[in-house]
PDB file of N, CA and C in Angstrom:
ATOM      1  N   UNK A   1      22.116  -9.826 -68.575  1.00  0.00           N
ATOM      2  CA  UNK A   1      24.181  -9.127 -68.935  1.00  0.00           C
ATOM      3  C   UNK A   1      23.536  -7.833 -69.058  1.00  0.00           C
ATOM      4  N   UNK A   2      25.425  -7.728 -67.631  1.00  0.00           N
ATOM      5  CA  UNK A   2      25.379  -5.984 -67.749  1.00  0.00           C
ATOM      6  C   UNK A   2      25.952  -5.052 -68.646  1.00  0.00           C
ATOM      7  N   UNK A   3      26.365  -5.317 -69.554  1.00  0.00           N
ATOM      8  CA  UNK A   3      26.756  -4.584 -70.804  1.00  0.00           C
ATOM      9  C   UNK A   3      27.052  -5.809 -71.943  1.00  0.00           C
ATOM     10  N   UNK A   4      28.125  -5.574 -72.701  1.00  0.00           N
ATOM     11  CA  UNK A   4      28.349  -6.677 -73.657  1.00  0.00           C
ATOM     12  C   UNK A   4      30.298  -7.008 -73.687  1.00  0.00           C
ATOM     13  N   UNK A   5      31.089  -8.773 -74.446  1.00  0.00           N
ATOM     14  CA  UNK A   5      32.124  -8.536 -74.620  1.00  0.00           C
ATOM     15  C   UNK A   5      32.563  -8.214 -76.204  1.00  0.00           C
ATOM     16  N   UNK A   6      33.427  -7.225 -75.793  1.00  0.00           N
ATOM     17  CA  UNK A   6      34.525  -6.481 -77.802  1.00  0.00           C
ATOM     18  C   UNK A   6      35.104  -7.680 -77.717  1.00  0.00           C
ATOM     19  N   UNK A   7      34.746  -7.961 -79.338  1.00  0.00           N
ATOM     20  CA  UNK A   7      35.075  -8.463 -79.334  1.00  0.00           C
ATOM     21  C   UNK A   7      37.214  -8.985 -79.517  1.00  0.00           C
ATOM     22  N   UNK A   8      37.533  -9.982 -79.989  1.00  0.00           N
ATOM     23  CA  UNK A   8      39.464  -9.185 -79.745  1.00  0.00           C
ATOM     24  C   UNK A   8      39.777 -10.345 -81.044  1.00  0.00           C
ATOM     25  N   UNK A   9      40.747  -9.396 -81.480  1.00  0.00           N
ATOM     26  CA  UNK A   9      41.644 -10.184 -82.505  1.00  0.00           C
ATOM     27  C   UNK A   9      42.380 -11.026 -82.186  1.00  0.00           C
ATOM     28  N   UNK A  10      43.178 -11.963 -82.545  1.00  0.00           N
ATOM     29  CA  UNK A  10      43.987 -13.107 -82.459  1.00  0.00           C
ATOM     30  C   UNK A  10      44.677 -12.720 -83.221  1.00  0.00           C
ATOM     31  N   UNK A  11      46.101 -11.474 -82.919  1.00  0.00           N
ATOM     32  CA  UNK A  11      46.608 -10.956 -83.891  1.00  0.00           C
ATOM     33  C   UNK A  11      47.807 -12.668 -84.527  1.00  0.00           C
ATOM     34  N   UNK A  12      48.814 -13.267 -83.848  1.00  0.00           N
ATOM     35  CA  UNK A  12      48.836 -14.316 -84.018  1.00  0.00           C
ATOM     36  C   UNK A  12      48.208 -15.016 -85.279  1.00  0.00           C
ATOM     37  N   UNK A  13      46.816 -15.291 -84.925  1.00  0.00           N
ATOM     38  CA  UNK A  13      46.174 -16.229 -85.883  1.00  0.00           C
ATOM     39  C   UNK A  13      45.712 -15.422 -87.407  1.00  0.00           C
ATOM     40  N   UNK A  14      45.772 -13.872 -87.294  1.00  0.00           N
ATOM     41  CA  UNK A  14      45.768 -13.053 -87.729  1.00  0.00           C
ATOM     42  C   UNK A  14      46.769 -13.427 -88.960  1.00  0.00           C
ATOM     43  N   UNK A  15      47.657 -13.187 -88.646  1.00  0.00           N
ATOM     44  CA  UNK A  15      48.749 -13.103 -89.404  1.00  0.00           C
ATOM     45  C   UNK A  15      48.834 -14.300 -89.934  1.00  0.00           C
ATOM     46  N   UNK A  16      48.459 -15.462 -89.789  1.00  0.00           N
ATOM     47  CA  UNK A  16      48.841 -16.876 -90.137  1.00  0.00           C
ATOM     48  C   UNK A  16      47.859 -16.925 -91.653  1.00  0.00           C
ATOM     49  N   UNK A  17      46.545 -16.413 -90.835  1.00  0.00           N
ATOM     50  CA  UNK A  17      45.604 -16.297 -91.877  1.00  0.00           C
ATOM     51  C   UNK A  17      45.864 -15.172 -93.350  1.00  0.00           C
ATOM     52  N   UNK A  18      46.982 -14.126 -93.163  1.00  0.00           N
ATOM     53  CA  UNK A  18      47.224 -13.481 -94.041  1.00  0.00           C
ATOM     54  C   UNK A  18      47.922 -14.239 -94.923  1.00  0.00           C
ATOM     55  N   UNK A  19      49.267 -14.929 -94.424  1.00  0.00           N
ATOM     56  CA  UNK A  19      50.120 -15.233 -95.160  1.00  0.00           C
ATOM     57  C   UNK A  19      49.080 -16.210 -95.949  1.00  0.00           C
ATOM     58  N   UNK A  20      48.675 -17.413 -95.315  1.00  0.00           N
ATOM     59  CA  UNK A  20      47.276 -18.080 -96.373  1.00  0.00           C
ATOM     60  C   UNK A  20      46.907 -17.475 -97.737  1.00  0.00           C
ATOM     61  N   UNK A  21      46.583 -16.556 -97.370  1.00  0.00           N
ATOM     62  CA  UNK A  21      45.496 -16.575 -98.007  1.00  0.00           C
ATOM     63  C   UNK A  21      46.342 -15.750 -99.383  1.00  0.00           C
ATOM     64  N   UNK A  22      47.571 -14.812 -98.998  1.00  0.00           N
ATOM     65  CA  UNK A  22      48.739 -14.873 -99.657  1.00  0.00           C
ATOM     66  C   UNK A  22      49.237 -15.384-100.765  1.00  0.00           C
ATOM     67  N   UNK A  23      49.265 -16.997 -99.767  1.00  0.00           N
ATOM     68  CA  UNK A  23      50.164 -18.003-100.621  1.00  0.00           C
ATOM     69  C   UNK A  23      48.522 -18.781-101.679  1.00  0.00           C
ATOM     70  N   UNK A  24      47.511 -18.491-100.874  1.00  0.00           N
ATOM     71  CA  UNK A  24      46.616 -18.888-102.092  1.00  0.00           C
ATOM     72  C   UNK A  24      46.459 -18.328-102.837  1.00  0.00           C
ATOM     73  N   UNK A  25      46.253 -16.952-103.486  1.00  0.00           N
ATOM     74  CA  UNK A  25      46.400 -16.346-104.101  1.00  0.00           C
ATOM     75  C   UNK A  25      47.860 -16.024-105.400  1.00  0.00           C
ATOM     76  N   UNK A  26      49.091 -17.412-105.286  1.00  0.00           N
ATOM     77  CA  UNK A  26      49.745 -16.801-105.934  1.00  0.00           C
ATOM     78  C   UNK A  26      50.716 -15.742-105.998  1.00  0.00           C
ATOM     79  N   UNK A  27      50.566 -15.632-103.980  1.00  0.00           N
ATOM     80  CA  UNK A  27      51.713 -13.585-104.313  1.00  0.00           C
ATOM     81  C   UNK A  27      52.956 -14.615-103.605  1.00  0.00           C
ATOM     82  N   UNK A  28      53.956 -13.332-103.973  1.00  0.00           N
ATOM     83  CA  UNK A  28      54.967 -13.115-102.738  1.00  0.00           C
ATOM     84  C   UNK A  28      54.710 -12.075-102.054  1.00  0.00           C
ATOM     85  N   UNK A  29      55.638 -12.349-100.808  1.00  0.00           N
ATOM     86  CA  UNK A  29      55.640 -10.714-100.078  1.00  0.00           C
ATOM     87  C   UNK A  29      56.053  -9.641-101.073  1.00  0.00           C
ATOM     88  N   UNK A  30      56.494  -9.782-101.923  1.00  0.00           N
ATOM     89  CA  UNK A  30      57.434  -8.720-103.121  1.00  0.00           C
ATOM     90  C   UNK A  30      56.558  -8.079-103.580  1.00  0.00           C
ATOM     91  N   UNK A  31      55.565  -9.369-104.379  1.00  0.00           N
ATOM     92  CA  UNK A  31      54.217  -8.989-104.649  1.00  0.00           C
ATOM     93  C   UNK A  31      53.405  -7.769-104.264  1.00  0.00           C
ATOM     94  N   UNK A  32      53.278  -8.632-103.103  1.00  0.00           N
ATOM     95  CA  UNK A  32      52.384  -7.455-102.318  1.00  0.00           C
ATOM     96  C   UNK A  32      52.815  -6.206-102.011  1.00  0.00           C
ATOM     97  N   UNK A  33      54.297  -6.509-101.234  1.00  0.00           N
ATOM     98  CA  UNK A  33      54.449  -5.054-101.223  1.00  0.00           C
ATOM     99  C   UNK A  33      54.382  -3.987-102.465  1.00  0.00           C
ATOM    100  N   UNK A  34      54.713  -4.783-103.489  1.00  0.00           N
ATOM    101  CA  UNK A  34      54.512  -3.765-104.666  1.00  0.00           C
ATOM    102  C   UNK A  34      53.480  -3.440-105.409  1.00  0.00           C
ATOM    103  N   UNK A  35      52.063  -4.476-104.961  1.00  0.00           N
ATOM    104  CA  UNK A  35      50.971  -3.879-105.193  1.00  0.00           C
ATOM    105  C   UNK A  35      50.437  -3.054-103.958  1.00  0.00           C
ATOM    106  N   UNK A  36      50.849  -3.401-102.775  1.00  0.00           N
ATOM    107  CA  UNK A  36      50.583  -1.929-101.805  1.00  0.00           C
ATOM    108  C   UNK A  36      51.506  -0.854-101.715  1.00  0.00           C
ATOM    109  N   UNK A  37      52.778  -0.848-102.237  1.00  0.00           N
ATOM    110  CA  UNK A  37      53.135   0.238-102.244  1.00  0.00           C
ATOM    111  C   UNK A  37      53.656   0.708-101.759  1.00  0.00           C
ATOM    112  N   UNK A  38      54.462  -0.638-100.979  1.00  0.00           N
ATOM    113  CA  UNK A  38      55.342   0.298 -99.817  1.00  0.00           C
ATOM    114  C   UNK A  38      56.713   0.227-100.528  1.00  0.00           C
ATOM    115  N   UNK A  39      57.391   0.758 -99.552  1.00  0.00           N
ATOM    116  CA  UNK A  39      59.131   0.309 -99.511  1.00  0.00           C
ATOM    117  C   UNK A  39      59.925  -0.923 -99.200  1.00  0.00           C
ATOM    118  N   UNK A  40      59.215  -1.059 -98.555  1.00  0.00           N
ATOM    119  CA  UNK A  40      59.930  -2.434 -97.554  1.00  0.00           C
ATOM    120  C   UNK A  40      58.920  -3.316 -97.606  1.00  0.00           C
ATOM    121  N   UNK A  41      59.163  -5.029 -97.293  1.00  0.00           N
ATOM    122  CA  UNK A  41      58.478  -5.687 -96.965  1.00  0.00           C
ATOM    123  C   UNK A  41      57.825  -5.545 -95.524  1.00  0.00           C
ATOM    124  N   UNK A  42      58.828  -4.875 -94.956  1.00  0.00           N
ATOM    125  CA  UNK A  42      58.730  -5.091 -93.715  1.00  0.00           C
ATOM    126  C   UNK A  42      57.458  -5.382 -92.447  1.00  0.00           C
ATOM    127  N   UNK A  43      56.655  -4.379 -93.053  1.00  0.00           N
ATOM    128  CA  UNK A  43      55.094  -4.414 -92.701  1.00  0.00           C
ATOM    129  C   UNK A  43      54.202  -5.385 -92.840  1.00  0.00           C
ATOM    130  N   UNK A  44      54.218  -6.141 -94.020  1.00  0.00           N
ATOM    131  CA  UNK A  44      53.239  -7.691 -94.217  1.00  0.00           C
ATOM    132  C   UNK A  44      54.986  -8.688 -93.812  1.00  0.00           C
ATOM    133  N   UNK A  45      55.791  -8.401 -92.892  1.00  0.00           N
ATOM    134  CA  UNK A  45      55.871  -9.622 -92.274  1.00  0.00           C
ATOM    135  C   UNK A  45      55.858  -9.472 -90.887  1.00  0.00           C
ATOM    136  N   UNK A  46      55.982  -8.121 -90.524  1.00  0.00           N
ATOM    137  CA  UNK A  46      54.843  -7.887 -89.433  1.00  0.00           C
ATOM    138  C   UNK A  46      53.689  -8.457 -89.332  1.00  0.00           C
ATOM    139  N   UNK A  47      52.563  -8.586 -90.234  1.00  0.00           N
ATOM    140  CA  UNK A  47      51.561  -9.027 -90.344  1.00  0.00           C
ATOM    141  C   UNK A  47      51.311 -10.590 -89.927  1.00  0.00           C
ATOM    142  N   UNK A  48      52.558 -10.278 -90.650  1.00  0.00           N
ATOM    143  CA  UNK A  48      52.340 -12.424 -91.210  1.00  0.00           C
ATOM    144  C   UNK A  48      52.702 -12.369 -89.922  1.00  0.00           C
ATOM    145  N   UNK A  49      53.566 -12.321 -89.080  1.00  0.00           N
ATOM    146  CA  UNK A  49      54.537 -13.054 -87.530  1.00  0.00           C
ATOM    147  C   UNK A  49      53.970 -12.124 -87.088  1.00  0.00           C
ATOM    148  N   UNK A  50      52.457 -11.859 -86.951  1.00  0.00           N
ATOM    149  CA  UNK A  50      51.457 -11.322 -85.845  1.00  0.00           C
ATOM    150  C   UNK A  50      52.036 -10.456 -84.266  1.00  0.00           C
ATOM    151  N   UNK A  51      52.758  -9.523 -85.274  1.00  0.00           N
ATOM    152  CA  UNK A  51      53.308  -8.256 -84.951  1.00  0.00           C
ATOM    153  C   UNK A  51      52.440  -7.149 -84.728  1.00  0.00           C
ATOM    154  N   UNK A  52      52.329  -6.943 -85.982  1.00  0.00           N
ATOM    155  CA  UNK A  52      50.922  -5.970 -85.988  1.00  0.00           C
ATOM    156  C   UNK A  52      49.681  -5.960 -86.638  1.00  0.00           C
ATOM    157  N   UNK A  53      48.966  -5.359 -86.534  1.00  0.00           N
ATOM    158  CA  UNK A  53      47.873  -5.740 -87.810  1.00  0.00           C
ATOM    159  C   UNK A  53      47.675  -4.464 -89.381  1.00  0.00           C
ATOM    160  N   UNK A  54      47.073  -4.829 -90.110  1.00  0.00           N
ATOM    161  CA  UNK A  54      47.162  -3.917 -90.589  1.00  0.00           C
ATOM    162  C   UNK A  54      45.847  -2.986 -91.029  1.00  0.00           C
ATOM    163  N   UNK A  55      46.276  -2.075 -91.273  1.00  0.00           N
ATOM    164  CA  UNK A  55      45.441  -0.891 -90.758  1.00  0.00           C
ATOM    165  C   UNK A  55      43.937  -1.020 -91.761  1.00  0.00           C
ATOM    166  N   UNK A  56      43.170  -0.043 -91.481  1.00  0.00           N
ATOM    167  CA  UNK A  56      41.333  -0.188 -91.834  1.00  0.00           C
ATOM    168  C   UNK A  56      41.587  -0.664 -93.766  1.00  0.00           C
ATOM    169  N   UNK A  57      42.233   0.749 -93.533  1.00  0.00           N
ATOM    170  CA  UNK A  57      42.542   0.641 -95.006  1.00  0.00           C
ATOM    171  C   UNK A  57      43.256  -0.538 -95.864  1.00  0.00           C
ATOM    172  N   UNK A  58      44.087  -0.934 -95.398  1.00  0.00           N
ATOM    173  CA  UNK A  58      44.892  -2.347 -95.909  1.00  0.00           C
ATOM    174  C   UNK A  58      44.142  -3.164 -96.203  1.00  0.00           C
ATOM    175  N   UNK A  59      43.840  -3.699 -94.277  1.00  0.00           N
ATOM    176  CA  UNK A  59      42.288  -4.566 -94.439  1.00  0.00           C
ATOM    177  C   UNK A  59      41.194  -4.904 -95.518  1.00  0.00           C
ATOM    178  N   UNK A  60      40.368  -3.280 -95.906  1.00  0.00           N
ATOM    179  CA  UNK A  60      39.925  -3.623 -96.747  1.00  0.00           C
ATOM    180  C   UNK A  60      40.331  -3.347 -98.003  1.00  0.00           C
ATOM    181  N   UNK A  61      41.193  -2.766 -98.170  1.00  0.00           N
ATOM    182  CA  UNK A  61      42.306  -3.108 -99.934  1.00  0.00           C
ATOM    183  C   UNK A  61      42.213  -5.369-100.356  1.00  0.00           C
ATOM    184  N   UNK A  62      42.919  -5.656 -99.147  1.00  0.00           N
ATOM    185  CA  UNK A  62      43.732  -6.784 -98.875  1.00  0.00           C
ATOM    186  C   UNK A  62      42.763  -7.857 -99.517  1.00  0.00           C
ATOM    187  N   UNK A  63      40.903  -7.494 -98.751  1.00  0.00           N
ATOM    188  CA  UNK A  63      39.788  -8.231 -98.494  1.00  0.00           C
ATOM    189  C   UNK A  63      39.651  -8.007-100.209  1.00  0.00           C
ATOM    190  N   UNK A  64      39.565  -6.675-100.687  1.00  0.00           N
ATOM    191  CA  UNK A  64      39.380  -6.820-102.366  1.00  0.00           C
ATOM    192  C   UNK A  64      40.437  -7.538-103.439  1.00  0.00           C
ATOM    193  N   UNK A  65      41.245  -7.306-102.825  1.00  0.00           N
ATOM    194  CA  UNK A  65      42.568  -7.920-103.513  1.00  0.00           C
ATOM    195  C   UNK A  65      41.869  -9.353-103.520  1.00  0.00           C
ATOM    196  N   UNK A  66      41.845 -10.459-102.829  1.00  0.00           N
ATOM    197  CA  UNK A  66      41.195 -10.974-102.530  1.00  0.00           C
ATOM    198  C   UNK A  66      40.467 -11.788-102.184  1.00  0.00           C
ATOM    199  N   UNK A  67      39.296 -10.990-103.145  1.00  0.00           N
ATOM    200  CA  UNK A  67      37.839 -11.621-103.582  1.00  0.00           C
ATOM    201  C   UNK A  67      37.175 -12.174-102.346  1.00  0.00           C
ATOM    202  N   UNK A  68      37.541 -11.504-100.159  1.00  0.00           N
ATOM    203  CA  UNK A  68      37.090 -11.922 -99.335  1.00  0.00           C
ATOM    204  C   UNK A  68      36.509 -10.842 -98.336  1.00  0.00           C
ATOM    205  N   UNK A  69      35.785 -10.775 -97.248  1.00  0.00           N
ATOM    206  CA  UNK A  69      35.190 -10.081 -96.221  1.00  0.00           C
ATOM    207  C   UNK A  69      36.848 -10.501 -95.702  1.00  0.00           C
ATOM    208  N   UNK A  70      36.345  -9.211 -94.660  1.00  0.00           N
ATOM    209  CA  UNK A  70      37.537  -8.591 -93.411  1.00  0.00           C
ATOM    210  C   UNK A  70      37.501  -9.753 -93.435  1.00  0.00           C
ATOM    211  N   UNK A  71      35.656  -9.838 -92.316  1.00  0.00           N
ATOM    212  CA  UNK A  71      35.724 -10.785 -91.317  1.00  0.00           C
ATOM    213  C   UNK A  71      36.460 -12.716 -91.856  1.00  0.00           C
ATOM    214  N   UNK A  72      37.023 -12.279 -92.989  1.00  0.00           N
ATOM    215  CA  UNK A  72      37.673 -14.127 -93.469  1.00  0.00           C
ATOM    216  C   UNK A  72      39.347 -13.406 -93.355  1.00  0.00           C
ATOM    217  N   UNK A  73      39.646 -12.453 -93.113  1.00  0.00           N
ATOM    218  CA  UNK A  73      40.659 -12.108 -92.387  1.00  0.00           C
ATOM    219  C   UNK A  73      41.553 -12.153 -91.347  1.00  0.00           C
ATOM    220  N   UNK A  74      40.243 -10.853 -90.322  1.00  0.00           N
ATOM    221  CA  UNK A  74      40.705 -11.273 -88.647  1.00  0.00           C
ATOM    222  C   UNK A  74      40.295 -12.292 -88.395  1.00  0.00           C
ATOM    223  N   UNK A  75      40.248 -12.798 -87.488  1.00  0.00           N
ATOM    224  CA  UNK A  75      40.979 -13.531 -87.022  1.00  0.00           C
ATOM    225  C   UNK A  75      40.549 -13.857 -85.202  1.00  0.00           C
ATOM    226  N   UNK A  76      39.395 -14.163 -84.773  1.00  0.00           N
ATOM    227  CA  UNK A  76      38.919 -13.502 -83.314  1.00  0.00           C
ATOM    228  C   UNK A  76      39.296 -14.094 -82.125  1.00  0.00           C
ATOM    229  N   UNK A  77      39.393 -13.764 -80.922  1.00  0.00           N
ATOM    230  CA  UNK A  77      40.268 -15.215 -80.188  1.00  0.00           C
ATOM    231  C   UNK A  77      39.141 -15.078 -79.177  1.00  0.00           C
ATOM    232  N   UNK A  78      37.746 -14.376 -79.607  1.00  0.00           N
ATOM    233  CA  UNK A  78      36.732 -15.027 -78.421  1.00  0.00           C
ATOM    234  C   UNK A  78      35.107 -15.004 -79.515  1.00  0.00           C
ATOM    235  N   UNK A  79      35.742 -15.741 -80.446  1.00  0.00           N
ATOM    236  CA  UNK A  79      34.727 -15.741 -81.284  1.00  0.00           C
ATOM    237  C   UNK A  79      33.289 -16.410 -80.639  1.00  0.00           C
ATOM    238  N   UNK A  80      33.277 -17.695 -79.415  1.00  0.00           N
ATOM    239  CA  UNK A  80      31.996 -17.952 -79.548  1.00  0.00           C
ATOM    240  C   UNK A  80      31.784 -17.310 -78.181  1.00  0.00           C
ATOM    241  N   UNK A  81      31.964 -16.485 -77.334  1.00  0.00           N
ATOM    242  CA  UNK A  81      31.226 -15.791 -76.778  1.00  0.00           C
ATOM    243  C   UNK A  81      30.586 -14.823 -77.370  1.00  0.00           C
ATOM    244  N   UNK A  82      31.977 -13.896 -78.671  1.00  0.00           N
ATOM    245  CA  UNK A  82      31.425 -12.884 -78.895  1.00  0.00           C
ATOM    246  C   UNK A  82      30.147 -13.266 -79.708  1.00  0.00           C
ATOM    247  N   UNK A  83      30.062 -14.301 -80.470  1.00  0.00           N
ATOM    248  CA  UNK A  83      28.688 -14.779 -81.202  1.00  0.00           C
ATOM    249  C   UNK A  83      27.362 -14.748 -80.575  1.00  0.00           C
ATOM    250  N   UNK A  84      28.027 -15.162 -79.376  1.00  0.00           N
ATOM    251  CA  UNK A  84      26.639 -15.469 -78.150  1.00  0.00           C
ATOM    252  C   UNK A  84      25.965 -14.542 -77.613  1.00  0.00           C
ATOM    253  N   UNK A  85      27.210 -13.671 -77.715  1.00  0.00           N
ATOM    254  CA  UNK A  85      26.396 -12.123 -77.133  1.00  0.00           C
ATOM    255  C   UNK A  85      25.972 -11.515 -78.434  1.00  0.00           C
ATOM    256  N   UNK A  86      26.057 -11.956 -79.197  1.00  0.00           N
ATOM    257  CA  UNK A  86      25.411 -11.083 -80.348  1.00  0.00           C
ATOM    258  C   UNK A  86      24.127 -11.327 -81.274  1.00  0.00           C
ATOM    259  N   UNK A  87      23.884 -12.810 -80.521  1.00  0.00           N
ATOM    260  CA  UNK A  87      22.428 -13.444 -80.611  1.00  0.00           C
ATOM    261  C   UNK A  87      21.552 -12.736 -79.534  1.00  0.00           C
ATOM    262  N   UNK A  88      22.513 -12.761 -77.999  1.00  0.00           N
ATOM    263  CA  UNK A  88      21.622 -12.282 -77.295  1.00  0.00           C
ATOM    264  C   UNK A  88      21.116 -11.132 -76.992  1.00  0.00           C
ATOM    265  N   UNK A  89      22.238 -10.594 -77.253  1.00  0.00           N
ATOM    266  CA  UNK A  89      21.186  -8.665 -77.399  1.00  0.00           C
ATOM    267  C   UNK A  89      20.222  -8.703 -78.419  1.00  0.00           C
ATOM    268  N   UNK A  90      21.007  -9.420 -80.145  1.00  0.00           N
ATOM    269  CA  UNK A  90      19.890  -9.616 -80.602  1.00  0.00           C
ATOM    270  C   UNK A  90      18.219  -9.023 -80.305  1.00  0.00           C
TER     271      UNK A  90
END
């Protein structure tokens, strides 16, 4: 194999996952906005709609807030290929 395939994040599915985790933890968008210290909920809606991803600091914060790993928030579009390559390169 002449290289490797980098993981590709599925932004839409990740947004749905963020919404699922928020709801599973009984949080409204307004509550999450306040916890994150945002002046507007727009960023959270953009995450949930799959228009943007949280930056790494916010991903780490959300993971700790919801007691999950970052990998449980991000949804990979090519996870099956990535896992194959990871095993192959090890």
